[in-house]
Protein backbone atom coordinates (compact mmCIF):
# COMPACT_ATOMS: atom_id res chain seq x y z
CA UNK A 1 114.53 104.97 88.73
CA UNK A 2 115.39 103.90 92.26
CA UNK A 3 117.80 101.07 93.04
CA UNK A 4 115.01 99.04 94.66
CA UNK A 5 112.98 99.13 91.43
CA UNK A 6 116.03 98.04 89.43
CA UNK A 7 116.66 95.07 91.72
CA UNK A 8 112.99 94.09 91.68
CA UNK A 9 113.03 94.18 87.86
CA UNK A 10 116.23 92.11 87.77
CA UNK A 11 114.66 89.61 90.19
CA UNK A 12 111.51 89.45 88.03
CA UNK A 13 113.69 88.77 84.98
CA UNK A 14 115.60 86.04 86.83
CA UNK A 15 112.40 84.42 88.06
CA UNK A 16 110.94 84.68 84.55
CA UNK A 17 113.94 82.93 82.98
CA UNK A 18 113.79 80.19 85.62
CA UNK A 19 110.05 79.84 85.03
CA UNK A 20 110.61 79.39 81.29
CA UNK A 21 113.32 76.81 81.97
CA UNK A 22 110.87 74.88 84.17
CA UNK A 23 107.91 75.00 81.80
CA UNK A 24 109.73 74.47 78.47
CA UNK A 25 110.28 70.70 78.88
CA UNK A 26 106.60 70.25 79.77
CA UNK A 27 105.55 72.25 76.70
CA UNK A 28 107.65 69.87 74.61
CA UNK A 29 105.99 66.83 76.10
CA UNK A 30 108.88 65.90 78.37
CA UNK A 31 108.72 65.11 82.08
CA UNK A 32 109.90 67.65 84.62
CA UNK A 33 113.42 67.06 85.96
CA UNK A 34 114.62 67.53 89.56
CA UNK A 35 116.80 70.58 90.18
CA UNK A 36 120.53 70.05 90.03
CA UNK A 37 123.02 72.00 92.12
CA UNK A 38 123.36 74.71 89.46
CA UNK A 39 119.57 75.08 89.31
CA UNK A 40 119.30 75.53 93.08
CA UNK A 41 122.08 78.13 92.97
CA UNK A 42 120.24 80.03 90.23
CA UNK A 43 117.10 80.08 92.36
CA UNK A 44 119.18 81.30 95.31
CA UNK A 45 120.64 84.05 93.13
CA UNK A 46 117.15 85.22 92.14
CA UNK A 47 116.14 85.20 95.80
CA UNK A 48 119.21 87.33 96.56
CA UNK A 49 118.27 89.93 93.93
CA UNK A 50 114.72 89.94 95.28
CA UNK A 51 115.94 90.44 98.85
CA UNK A 52 118.20 93.33 97.81
CA UNK A 53 115.25 95.08 96.19
CA UNK A 54 113.15 94.66 99.33
CA UNK A 55 115.89 95.90 101.67
CA UNK A 56 116.55 98.99 99.56
CA UNK A 57 112.82 99.78 99.46
CA UNK A 58 112.07 99.24 103.15
CA UNK A 59 115.16 100.76 104.78
CA UNK A 60 115.20 104.46 103.89
CA UNK A 61 116.92 107.41 105.62
CA UNK A 62 113.60 108.59 107.07
CA UNK A 63 112.91 105.23 108.75
CA UNK A 64 110.91 102.27 107.41
CA UNK A 65 108.88 102.45 104.21
CA UNK A 66 106.07 99.97 103.50
CA UNK A 67 103.41 99.63 100.82
CA UNK A 68 100.92 97.00 99.73
CA UNK A 69 103.02 95.70 96.81
CA UNK A 70 106.18 95.71 98.91
CA UNK A 71 104.43 93.75 101.68
CA UNK A 72 103.26 91.18 99.11
CA UNK A 73 106.74 91.02 97.60
CA UNK A 74 108.29 90.50 101.03
CA UNK A 75 105.83 87.73 101.87
CA UNK A 76 106.60 85.83 98.65
CA UNK A 77 110.35 86.41 99.12
CA UNK A 78 110.23 84.88 102.59
CA UNK A 79 108.13 82.08 101.16
CA UNK A 80 110.81 81.40 98.53
CA UNK A 81 113.40 81.15 101.31
CA UNK A 82 111.17 78.68 103.18
CA UNK A 83 110.80 76.61 100.00
CA UNK A 84 114.55 76.67 99.26
CA UNK A 85 115.34 75.34 102.74
CA UNK A 86 112.44 72.86 102.76
CA UNK A 87 113.53 71.43 99.41
CA UNK A 88 116.58 69.89 101.08
CA UNK A 89 114.23 67.83 103.30
CA UNK A 90 111.51 66.97 100.77
CA UNK A 91 112.08 66.76 97.03
CA UNK A 92 109.44 69.27 95.94
CA UNK A 93 111.17 70.87 92.93
CA UNK A 94 107.97 70.76 90.88
CA UNK A 95 106.36 73.27 93.28
CA UNK A 96 108.62 75.82 91.57
CA UNK A 97 106.25 75.64 88.60
CA UNK A 98 103.89 77.73 90.71
CA UNK A 99 106.25 79.59 93.04
CA UNK A 100 108.55 81.04 90.37
CA UNK A 101 105.86 82.81 88.30
CA UNK A 102 104.19 84.03 91.50
CA UNK A 103 107.52 85.54 92.63
CA UNK A 104 108.04 87.14 89.20
CA UNK A 105 104.59 88.76 89.30
CA UNK A 106 105.06 90.15 92.82
CA UNK A 107 108.44 91.62 91.86
CA UNK A 108 106.84 93.37 88.88
CA UNK A 109 104.07 94.69 91.13
CA UNK A 110 106.64 96.02 93.63
CA UNK A 111 108.47 97.77 90.79
CA UNK A 112 105.26 99.17 89.27
CA UNK A 113 103.77 100.35 92.58
CA UNK A 114 106.68 101.57 94.74
CA UNK A 115 104.53 104.09 96.62
CA UNK A 116 103.77 103.46 100.27
CA UNK A 117 103.99 105.11 103.65
CA UNK A 118 106.56 105.73 106.36
CA UNK A 119 106.00 103.58 109.45
CA UNK A 120 105.44 105.72 112.59
CA UNK A 121 107.77 105.04 115.55
CA UNK A 122 110.16 103.14 113.25
CA UNK A 123 112.99 103.46 115.79
CA UNK A 124 111.05 101.45 118.39
CA UNK A 125 112.78 98.07 118.82
CA UNK A 126 109.51 96.34 119.72
CA UNK A 127 107.90 97.65 116.53
CA UNK A 128 110.81 96.48 114.38
CA UNK A 129 110.61 93.05 115.98
CA UNK A 130 106.86 92.95 115.47
CA UNK A 131 107.19 93.88 111.77
CA UNK A 132 109.84 91.22 111.19
CA UNK A 133 107.71 88.54 112.84
CA UNK A 134 104.57 89.67 110.99
CA UNK A 135 106.31 89.57 107.60
CA UNK A 136 107.65 86.10 108.39
CA UNK A 137 104.12 84.94 109.20
CA UNK A 138 102.86 86.44 105.93
CA UNK A 139 105.58 84.63 104.02
CA UNK A 140 104.89 81.23 105.58
CA UNK A 141 101.14 81.49 105.11
CA UNK A 142 101.52 82.77 101.54
CA UNK A 143 103.47 79.66 100.61
CA UNK A 144 100.90 77.52 102.45
CA UNK A 145 98.16 79.17 100.38
CA UNK A 146 100.04 78.50 97.13
CA UNK A 147 100.43 74.88 98.23
CA UNK A 148 96.71 74.71 98.92
CA UNK A 149 95.93 76.03 95.43
CA UNK A 150 98.30 73.48 93.94
CA UNK A 151 96.73 70.68 95.94
CA UNK A 152 93.24 71.80 94.89
CA UNK A 153 94.20 71.55 91.21
CA UNK A 154 95.88 68.19 91.76
CA UNK A 155 92.86 66.87 93.69
CA UNK A 156 90.54 67.84 90.85
CA UNK A 157 92.75 66.07 88.35
CA UNK A 158 92.75 62.90 90.43
CA UNK A 159 88.95 62.94 90.70
CA UNK A 160 88.50 63.77 87.02
CA UNK A 161 91.30 61.99 85.17
CA UNK A 162 92.13 63.43 81.78
CA UNK A 163 91.71 61.29 78.69
CA UNK A 164 94.74 59.90 76.93
CA UNK A 165 94.51 62.42 74.09
CA UNK A 166 94.46 65.27 76.61
CA UNK A 167 97.65 64.24 78.35
CA UNK A 168 99.65 66.32 75.86
CA UNK A 169 98.26 69.41 77.58
CA UNK A 170 101.08 71.26 79.34
CA UNK A 171 99.05 71.93 82.50
CA UNK A 172 98.06 68.28 82.83
CA UNK A 173 101.72 67.27 82.51
CA UNK A 174 102.66 69.92 85.06
CA UNK A 175 100.22 68.47 87.58
CA UNK A 176 101.45 64.96 86.86
CA UNK A 177 104.99 66.07 87.72
CA UNK A 178 103.94 67.26 91.17
CA UNK A 179 104.78 65.28 94.32
CA UNK A 180 102.05 62.94 95.66
CA UNK A 181 99.19 64.59 97.51
CA UNK A 182 100.26 63.00 100.79
CA UNK A 183 103.70 64.61 100.49
CA UNK A 184 102.17 67.99 99.65
CA UNK A 185 99.73 67.63 102.56
CA UNK A 186 102.59 66.82 104.93
CA UNK A 187 104.40 69.97 103.84
CA UNK A 188 101.20 72.05 103.96
CA UNK A 189 100.47 71.25 107.60
CA UNK A 190 104.10 71.73 108.54
CA UNK A 191 103.92 75.22 107.05
CA UNK A 192 100.57 75.90 108.74
CA UNK A 193 101.84 74.82 112.17
CA UNK A 194 104.92 77.02 111.88
CA UNK A 195 102.91 79.86 110.33
CA UNK A 196 100.32 79.67 113.12
CA UNK A 197 103.04 79.82 115.77
CA UNK A 198 104.65 82.85 114.12
CA UNK A 199 101.23 84.47 113.65
CA UNK A 200 100.59 83.98 117.38
CA UNK A 201 103.87 85.78 118.08
CA UNK A 202 102.70 88.52 115.72
CA UNK A 203 99.57 89.04 117.82
CA UNK A 204 101.53 88.97 121.10
CA UNK A 205 104.20 91.42 119.94
CA UNK A 206 101.50 93.62 118.40
CA UNK A 207 99.83 93.85 121.80
CA UNK A 208 103.16 94.77 123.39
CA UNK A 209 103.83 97.47 120.77
CA UNK A 210 100.37 98.97 121.18
CA UNK A 211 100.69 99.09 124.99
CA UNK A 212 104.19 100.56 124.89
CA UNK A 213 103.00 103.29 122.53
CA UNK A 214 100.14 104.16 124.86
CA UNK A 215 97.32 102.50 122.93
CA UNK A 216 94.85 99.72 123.80
CA UNK A 217 96.04 96.12 123.85
CA UNK A 218 93.93 95.24 120.82
CA UNK A 219 92.99 98.31 118.76
CA UNK A 220 89.92 97.33 116.78
CA UNK A 221 91.14 98.57 113.41
CA UNK A 222 90.89 96.55 110.20
CA UNK A 223 94.44 95.15 110.51
CA UNK A 224 93.82 93.78 114.00
CA UNK A 225 90.38 92.38 113.17
CA UNK A 226 91.49 90.56 110.01
CA UNK A 227 94.69 89.30 111.64
CA UNK A 228 92.69 87.85 114.53
CA UNK A 229 90.22 86.29 112.08
CA UNK A 230 93.13 84.68 110.23
CA UNK A 231 94.67 83.46 113.51
CA UNK A 232 91.34 81.99 114.63
CA UNK A 233 90.80 80.32 111.24
CA UNK A 234 94.15 78.54 111.33
CA UNK A 235 93.62 77.66 114.99
CA UNK A 236 90.30 75.98 114.17
CA UNK A 237 91.90 74.18 111.22
CA UNK A 238 94.70 72.76 113.35
CA UNK A 239 92.25 71.79 116.09
CA UNK A 240 90.03 70.09 113.51
CA UNK A 241 93.04 68.28 112.12
CA UNK A 242 94.04 67.03 115.57
CA UNK A 243 90.56 66.14 116.85
CA UNK A 244 88.63 65.12 113.73
CA UNK A 245 91.43 64.37 111.30
CA UNK A 246 90.50 67.12 108.84
CA UNK A 247 92.30 66.81 105.53
CA UNK A 248 91.67 67.07 101.81
CA UNK A 249 89.25 69.68 100.56
CA UNK A 250 88.15 70.74 104.04
CA UNK A 251 91.71 71.59 105.02
CA UNK A 252 92.31 73.39 101.73
CA UNK A 253 89.21 75.59 102.12
CA UNK A 254 90.18 76.60 105.66
CA UNK A 255 93.75 77.34 104.55
CA UNK A 256 92.62 79.61 101.73
CA UNK A 257 90.11 81.36 104.01
CA UNK A 258 92.82 82.05 106.61
CA UNK A 259 95.13 83.38 103.90
CA UNK A 260 92.39 85.65 102.54
CA UNK A 261 91.87 87.20 105.99
CA UNK A 262 95.61 87.76 106.40
CA UNK A 263 95.85 89.31 102.94
CA UNK A 264 93.04 91.71 103.78
CA UNK A 265 94.66 92.65 107.10
CA UNK A 266 97.35 94.71 105.41
CA UNK A 267 97.81 94.33 101.66
CA UNK A 268 94.19 94.89 100.72
CA UNK A 269 93.76 98.02 102.80
CA UNK A 270 97.07 99.52 101.67
CA UNK A 271 96.15 98.83 98.04
CA UNK A 272 93.05 100.97 98.48
CA UNK A 273 94.99 103.77 100.22
CA UNK A 274 98.14 103.76 98.08
CA UNK A 275 96.66 103.07 94.65
CA UNK A 276 92.94 103.78 94.53
CA UNK A 277 92.96 106.78 96.90
CA UNK A 278 96.63 107.64 96.09
CA UNK A 279 97.53 108.49 99.68
CA UNK A 280 101.09 107.13 99.55
CA UNK A 281 103.60 109.47 101.08
CA UNK A 282 106.77 108.24 99.45
CA UNK A 283 107.08 107.41 95.79
């Protein structure tokens, strides 16, 4: 068993324990409590284990190794870092109810599916920069998508209030512990603005890498097409927000659509190659 798998399993265990600690009070009918300093340090420790697993998996003697599960794990890891920093500005501890189990699942996937492929031209500085920026964009937009899912569930609860006898349900109590929709919406569009800017840099650096390696500026492969579709989707969303004041369900649908395109640009295609067609080159 490789060291990267061990660290991913340890991170999954840490995230799982933190998830249980978050959900147990709700299961007992108690209200969720804000994180104390020790709780934030525990989350940071889990993020550290997660990051170690990613670094050991990506940086190999032959160059850079990537796979669909590793890309998803990296995106969620970067998203956890974004959340940890953002939580000092906005008290959004209850978002961990969703983020922690998502991080645990992606760590388990990375441990279960370590196969992937070696990145060609891994020594090219432009390519390394492009990959770092692209992964950062994936992380930001992944967290934005999780926020959109959370807001969708909260919006449905507000429009269809549960009856008094149903308020003992753990999921209803979990939603009631979430920040107000306006706070979540503020954070969502902050993430989308930053994610869109980083995604724009991803496209620009991708063009530079392709030209420097002797290819066309925009190779019309599936990764480029879906990345551009995601970039255009978030661009339209932000324009609609600025011009027409888009918010609520309209904003949530556009956010999830943009995330779906970005997911298909790399993770979906690599899943088919590495798992279904079993074309991974490094186990």
